């Protein structure tokens, strides 16, 4: 029995010592970067999201939705069907905390949204204003200041028809 175990040990030594490293390096798979270099193959990080060939729709008339709350103002520019062309909010522009609901922030929000939509050629909008925040009027005025003419302004703030049941009166 001792002879059989000695033979097994000798076989193990031959496999590890006798050129085992060169056998491993010859059978090693090619790196992924080398394997992907085929004609017409994309590189690993692009995933086909390039801007080449992307055409910009030309829209001359659209809509602007201004959502003004006590804490924030959000402006969305769309075409006549409601497809979003650009949007912006106070947080996206860089305001934080109580500065987000100011009229100045509303003007900067509109400027950012209009700059994003410039390539589409948007000239005239119908404004739909929602909410009771301080950025309502400032956002509509900023549209005119940034070269967009406002054809109509409509207040679409939801108003309850008698609303929720009020809490019961306090007993002291």
C-alpha atoms as a PDB file:
ATOM      1  CA  UNK A   1       0.000   0.000   0.000  1.00  0.00           C
ATOM      2  CA  UNK A   2       2.857   2.325   0.708  1.00  0.00           C
ATOM      3  CA  UNK A   3       3.936   1.940  -2.923  1.00  0.00           C
ATOM      4  CA  UNK A   4       0.546   3.101  -4.250  1.00  0.00           C
ATOM      5  CA  UNK A   5       0.504   6.266  -2.120  1.00  0.00           C
ATOM      6  CA  UNK A   6       4.107   7.033  -3.136  1.00  0.00           C
ATOM      7  CA  UNK A   7       3.142   6.690  -6.804  1.00  0.00           C
ATOM      8  CA  UNK A   8       0.221   9.103  -6.319  1.00  0.00           C
ATOM      9  CA  UNK A   9       2.506  11.651  -4.664  1.00  0.00           C
ATOM     10  CA  UNK A  10       5.029  11.334  -7.509  1.00  0.00           C
ATOM     11  CA  UNK A  11       2.267  11.963 -10.071  1.00  0.00           C
ATOM     12  CA  UNK A  12       1.178  15.094  -8.188  1.00  0.00           C
ATOM     13  CA  UNK A  13       4.747  16.382  -8.157  1.00  0.00           C
ATOM     14  CA  UNK A  14       5.128  15.771 -11.888  1.00  0.00           C
ATOM     15  CA  UNK A  15       1.970  17.705 -12.645  1.00  0.00           C
ATOM     16  CA  UNK A  16       2.908  20.718 -10.509  1.00  0.00           C
ATOM     17  CA  UNK A  17       6.653  20.848 -11.078  1.00  0.00           C
ATOM     18  CA  UNK A  18       6.949  19.519 -14.606  1.00  0.00           C
ATOM     19  CA  UNK A  19       5.893  22.616 -16.574  1.00  0.00           C
ATOM     20  CA  UNK A  20       2.467  23.064 -14.975  1.00  0.00           C
ATOM     21  CA  UNK A  21       2.748  26.857 -15.235  1.00  0.00           C
ATOM     22  CA  UNK A  22       3.385  26.881 -18.960  1.00  0.00           C
ATOM     23  CA  UNK A  23       0.399  24.599 -19.554  1.00  0.00           C
ATOM     24  CA  UNK A  24      -1.824  27.020 -17.649  1.00  0.00           C
ATOM     25  CA  UNK A  25      -0.589  30.064 -19.574  1.00  0.00           C
ATOM     26  CA  UNK A  26      -1.111  28.359 -22.936  1.00  0.00           C
ATOM     27  CA  UNK A  27      -4.716  27.456 -22.124  1.00  0.00           C
ATOM     28  CA  UNK A  28      -5.620  30.838 -20.528  1.00  0.00           C
ATOM     29  CA  UNK A  29      -8.589  32.512 -22.224  1.00  0.00           C
ATOM     30  CA  UNK A  30      -8.109  35.759 -24.108  1.00  0.00           C
ATOM     31  CA  UNK A  31      -8.966  38.956 -22.247  1.00  0.00           C
ATOM     32  CA  UNK A  32     -12.440  40.374 -22.929  1.00  0.00           C
ATOM     33  CA  UNK A  33     -11.032  43.537 -24.516  1.00  0.00           C
ATOM     34  CA  UNK A  34      -9.086  41.537 -27.120  1.00  0.00           C
ATOM     35  CA  UNK A  35     -12.021  39.208 -27.828  1.00  0.00           C
ATOM     36  CA  UNK A  36     -14.433  42.125 -28.478  1.00  0.00           C
ATOM     37  CA  UNK A  37     -12.288  43.665 -31.255  1.00  0.00           C
ATOM     38  CA  UNK A  38     -14.285  42.336 -34.171  1.00  0.00           C
ATOM     39  CA  UNK A  39     -15.257  44.352 -37.234  1.00  0.00           C
ATOM     40  CA  UNK A  40     -18.437  46.280 -36.502  1.00  0.00           C
ATOM     41  CA  UNK A  41     -18.409  45.421 -32.795  1.00  0.00           C
ATOM     42  CA  UNK A  42     -19.170  48.141 -30.241  1.00  0.00           C
ATOM     43  CA  UNK A  43     -16.809  48.897 -27.413  1.00  0.00           C
ATOM     44  CA  UNK A  44     -17.837  47.698 -23.955  1.00  0.00           C
ATOM     45  CA  UNK A  45     -19.039  51.016 -22.468  1.00  0.00           C
ATOM     46  CA  UNK A  46     -21.113  52.656 -25.206  1.00  0.00           C
ATOM     47  CA  UNK A  47     -24.233  50.439 -25.376  1.00  0.00           C
ATOM     48  CA  UNK A  48     -25.421  52.319 -28.480  1.00  0.00           C
ATOM     49  CA  UNK A  49     -26.493  55.537 -26.767  1.00  0.00           C
ATOM     50  CA  UNK A  50     -24.511  57.955 -28.905  1.00  0.00           C
ATOM     51  CA  UNK A  51     -25.989  61.254 -30.063  1.00  0.00           C
ATOM     52  CA  UNK A  52     -24.911  60.702 -33.649  1.00  0.00           C
ATOM     53  CA  UNK A  53     -27.876  60.700 -35.987  1.00  0.00           C
ATOM     54  CA  UNK A  54     -30.380  61.953 -33.408  1.00  0.00           C
ATOM     55  CA  UNK A  55     -32.571  64.566 -35.039  1.00  0.00           C
ATOM     56  CA  UNK A  56     -34.276  67.326 -33.058  1.00  0.00           C
ATOM     57  CA  UNK A  57     -38.004  67.829 -33.604  1.00  0.00           C
ATOM     58  CA  UNK A  58     -39.004  71.324 -34.642  1.00  0.00           C
ATOM     59  CA  UNK A  59     -41.851  72.595 -32.468  1.00  0.00           C
ATOM     60  CA  UNK A  60     -43.018  76.213 -32.710  1.00  0.00           C
ATOM     61  CA  UNK A  61     -46.081  76.096 -30.437  1.00  0.00           C
ATOM     62  CA  UNK A  62     -46.232  74.233 -27.143  1.00  0.00           C
ATOM     63  CA  UNK A  63     -47.336  74.261 -23.546  1.00  0.00           C
ATOM     64  CA  UNK A  64     -45.645  75.137 -20.282  1.00  0.00           C
ATOM     65  CA  UNK A  65     -46.749  73.651 -16.975  1.00  0.00           C
ATOM     66  CA  UNK A  66     -45.726  75.575 -13.849  1.00  0.00           C
ATOM     67  CA  UNK A  67     -46.188  73.665 -10.594  1.00  0.00           C
ATOM     68  CA  UNK A  68     -45.580  76.103  -7.730  1.00  0.00           C
ATOM     69  CA  UNK A  69     -45.790  74.848  -4.157  1.00  0.00           C
ATOM     70  CA  UNK A  70     -44.723  76.371  -0.856  1.00  0.00           C
ATOM     71  CA  UNK A  71     -41.462  74.405  -1.022  1.00  0.00           C
ATOM     72  CA  UNK A  72     -40.516  74.153  -4.704  1.00  0.00           C
ATOM     73  CA  UNK A  73     -41.286  75.197  -8.283  1.00  0.00           C
ATOM     74  CA  UNK A  74     -41.224  72.802 -11.249  1.00  0.00           C
ATOM     75  CA  UNK A  75     -41.479  73.948 -14.883  1.00  0.00           C
ATOM     76  CA  UNK A  76     -42.194  71.520 -17.749  1.00  0.00           C
ATOM     77  CA  UNK A  77     -42.167  72.506 -21.436  1.00  0.00           C
ATOM     78  CA  UNK A  78     -44.121  70.210 -23.771  1.00  0.00           C
ATOM     79  CA  UNK A  79     -45.416  70.150 -27.328  1.00  0.00           C
ATOM     80  CA  UNK A  80     -49.130  70.430 -28.109  1.00  0.00           C
ATOM     81  CA  UNK A  81     -49.664  66.690 -27.497  1.00  0.00           C
ATOM     82  CA  UNK A  82     -48.059  66.794 -24.053  1.00  0.00           C
ATOM     83  CA  UNK A  83     -44.752  65.131 -24.987  1.00  0.00           C
ATOM     84  CA  UNK A  84     -42.083  66.594 -22.709  1.00  0.00           C
ATOM     85  CA  UNK A  85     -39.406  68.679 -24.419  1.00  0.00           C
ATOM     86  CA  UNK A  86     -37.604  69.843 -21.275  1.00  0.00           C
ATOM     87  CA  UNK A  87     -38.151  70.340 -17.567  1.00  0.00           C
ATOM     88  CA  UNK A  88     -36.395  71.960 -14.668  1.00  0.00           C
ATOM     89  CA  UNK A  89     -36.833  72.472 -10.949  1.00  0.00           C
ATOM     90  CA  UNK A  90     -35.214  74.548  -8.234  1.00  0.00           C
ATOM     91  CA  UNK A  91     -33.171  71.605  -6.990  1.00  0.00           C
ATOM     92  CA  UNK A  92     -31.925  70.826 -10.501  1.00  0.00           C
ATOM     93  CA  UNK A  93     -30.711  74.424 -10.912  1.00  0.00           C
ATOM     94  CA  UNK A  94     -28.882  74.286  -7.572  1.00  0.00           C
ATOM     95  CA  UNK A  95     -31.120  75.937  -4.990  1.00  0.00           C
ATOM     96  CA  UNK A  96     -31.475  74.314  -1.581  1.00  0.00           C
ATOM     97  CA  UNK A  97     -33.796  74.714   1.355  1.00  0.00           C
ATOM     98  CA  UNK A  98     -36.085  77.747   1.612  1.00  0.00           C
ATOM     99  CA  UNK A  99     -34.486  79.426  -1.431  1.00  0.00           C
ATOM    100  CA  UNK A 100     -36.207  76.895  -3.736  1.00  0.00           C
ATOM    101  CA  UNK A 101     -39.620  78.550  -3.437  1.00  0.00           C
ATOM    102  CA  UNK A 102     -38.530  82.138  -4.183  1.00  0.00           C
ATOM    103  CA  UNK A 103     -39.522  84.150  -7.275  1.00  0.00           C
ATOM    104  CA  UNK A 104     -35.843  84.493  -8.212  1.00  0.00           C
ATOM    105  CA  UNK A 105     -35.476  80.716  -8.256  1.00  0.00           C
ATOM    106  CA  UNK A 106     -38.548  80.488 -10.515  1.00  0.00           C
ATOM    107  CA  UNK A 107     -36.879  82.818 -13.010  1.00  0.00           C
ATOM    108  CA  UNK A 108     -33.706  80.719 -13.020  1.00  0.00           C
ATOM    109  CA  UNK A 109     -35.744  77.531 -13.451  1.00  0.00           C
ATOM    110  CA  UNK A 110     -37.500  78.935 -16.516  1.00  0.00           C
ATOM    111  CA  UNK A 111     -34.185  80.107 -17.980  1.00  0.00           C
ATOM    112  CA  UNK A 112     -32.713  76.615 -17.584  1.00  0.00           C
ATOM    113  CA  UNK A 113     -35.749  74.904 -19.142  1.00  0.00           C
ATOM    114  CA  UNK A 114     -35.885  77.346 -22.078  1.00  0.00           C
ATOM    115  CA  UNK A 115     -32.153  76.914 -22.767  1.00  0.00           C
ATOM    116  CA  UNK A 116     -32.662  73.136 -23.026  1.00  0.00           C
ATOM    117  CA  UNK A 117     -35.508  73.565 -25.533  1.00  0.00           C
ATOM    118  CA  UNK A 118     -33.818  76.187 -27.773  1.00  0.00           C
ATOM    119  CA  UNK A 119     -32.810  73.696 -30.535  1.00  0.00           C
ATOM    120  CA  UNK A 120     -36.487  72.789 -31.098  1.00  0.00           C
ATOM    121  CA  UNK A 121     -37.418  76.360 -32.042  1.00  0.00           C
ATOM    122  CA  UNK A 122     -40.231  76.785 -29.500  1.00  0.00           C
ATOM    123  CA  UNK A 123     -41.653  80.330 -29.793  1.00  0.00           C
ATOM    124  CA  UNK A 124     -45.201  80.394 -28.381  1.00  0.00           C
ATOM    125  CA  UNK A 125     -46.676  78.607 -25.391  1.00  0.00           C
ATOM    126  CA  UNK A 126     -49.916  78.259 -23.474  1.00  0.00           C
ATOM    127  CA  UNK A 127     -49.168  78.432 -19.749  1.00  0.00           C
ATOM    128  CA  UNK A 128     -50.901  76.157 -17.251  1.00  0.00           C
ATOM    129  CA  UNK A 129     -50.173  77.308 -13.702  1.00  0.00           C
ATOM    130  CA  UNK A 130     -50.843  75.046 -10.731  1.00  0.00           C
ATOM    131  CA  UNK A 131     -50.310  75.631  -7.039  1.00  0.00           C
ATOM    132  CA  UNK A 132     -50.100  78.532  -4.625  1.00  0.00           C
ATOM    133  CA  UNK A 133     -46.364  79.099  -4.335  1.00  0.00           C
ATOM    134  CA  UNK A 134     -44.550  82.395  -4.729  1.00  0.00           C
ATOM    135  CA  UNK A 135     -42.991  81.357  -8.055  1.00  0.00           C
ATOM    136  CA  UNK A 136     -46.235  81.440 -10.061  1.00  0.00           C
ATOM    137  CA  UNK A 137     -46.116  84.918 -11.555  1.00  0.00           C
ATOM    138  CA  UNK A 138     -42.321  85.048 -11.668  1.00  0.00           C
ATOM    139  CA  UNK A 139     -42.197  81.928 -13.844  1.00  0.00           C
ATOM    140  CA  UNK A 140     -44.659  83.340 -16.385  1.00  0.00           C
ATOM    141  CA  UNK A 141     -42.800  86.672 -16.519  1.00  0.00           C
ATOM    142  CA  UNK A 142     -39.494  84.842 -16.967  1.00  0.00           C
ATOM    143  CA  UNK A 143     -40.903  83.030 -20.019  1.00  0.00           C
ATOM    144  CA  UNK A 144     -41.433  86.380 -21.736  1.00  0.00           C
ATOM    145  CA  UNK A 145     -37.990  87.588 -20.640  1.00  0.00           C
ATOM    146  CA  UNK A 146     -36.381  84.496 -22.233  1.00  0.00           C
ATOM    147  CA  UNK A 147     -37.966  85.029 -25.640  1.00  0.00           C
ATOM    148  CA  UNK A 148     -41.046  82.795 -25.361  1.00  0.00           C
ATOM    149  CA  UNK A 149     -44.357  84.534 -26.000  1.00  0.00           C
ATOM    150  CA  UNK A 150     -47.196  83.452 -23.733  1.00  0.00           C
ATOM    151  CA  UNK A 151     -50.485  83.249 -25.651  1.00  0.00           C
ATOM    152  CA  UNK A 152     -52.731  82.236 -22.736  1.00  0.00           C
ATOM    153  CA  UNK A 153     -52.445  81.642 -18.999  1.00  0.00           C
ATOM    154  CA  UNK A 154     -54.770  79.178 -17.301  1.00  0.00           C
ATOM    155  CA  UNK A 155     -54.910  78.420 -13.580  1.00  0.00           C
ATOM    156  CA  UNK A 156     -55.380  74.676 -13.105  1.00  0.00           C
ATOM    157  CA  UNK A 157     -54.959  74.593  -9.329  1.00  0.00           C
ATOM    158  CA  UNK A 158     -57.234  71.878  -7.944  1.00  0.00           C
ATOM    159  CA  UNK A 159     -60.005  73.355  -5.787  1.00  0.00           C
ATOM    160  CA  UNK A 160     -62.078  71.034  -3.589  1.00  0.00           C
ATOM    161  CA  UNK A 161     -65.881  71.102  -3.901  1.00  0.00           C
ATOM    162  CA  UNK A 162     -66.442  71.074  -0.144  1.00  0.00           C
ATOM    163  CA  UNK A 163     -63.435  68.767   0.331  1.00  0.00           C
ATOM    164  CA  UNK A 164     -62.637  66.477   3.243  1.00  0.00           C
ATOM    165  CA  UNK A 165     -64.649  66.297   6.414  1.00  0.00           C
ATOM    166  CA  UNK A 166     -63.243  68.730   9.005  1.00  0.00           C
ATOM    167  CA  UNK A 167     -62.008  67.418  12.350  1.00  0.00           C
ATOM    168  CA  UNK A 168     -64.463  67.255  15.225  1.00  0.00           C
ATOM    169  CA  UNK A 169     -64.503  70.294  17.530  1.00  0.00           C
ATOM    170  CA  UNK A 170     -62.179  70.272  20.540  1.00  0.00           C
ATOM    171  CA  UNK A 171     -63.702  69.735  23.984  1.00  0.00           C
ATOM    172  CA  UNK A 172     -61.892  71.521  26.764  1.00  0.00           C
END
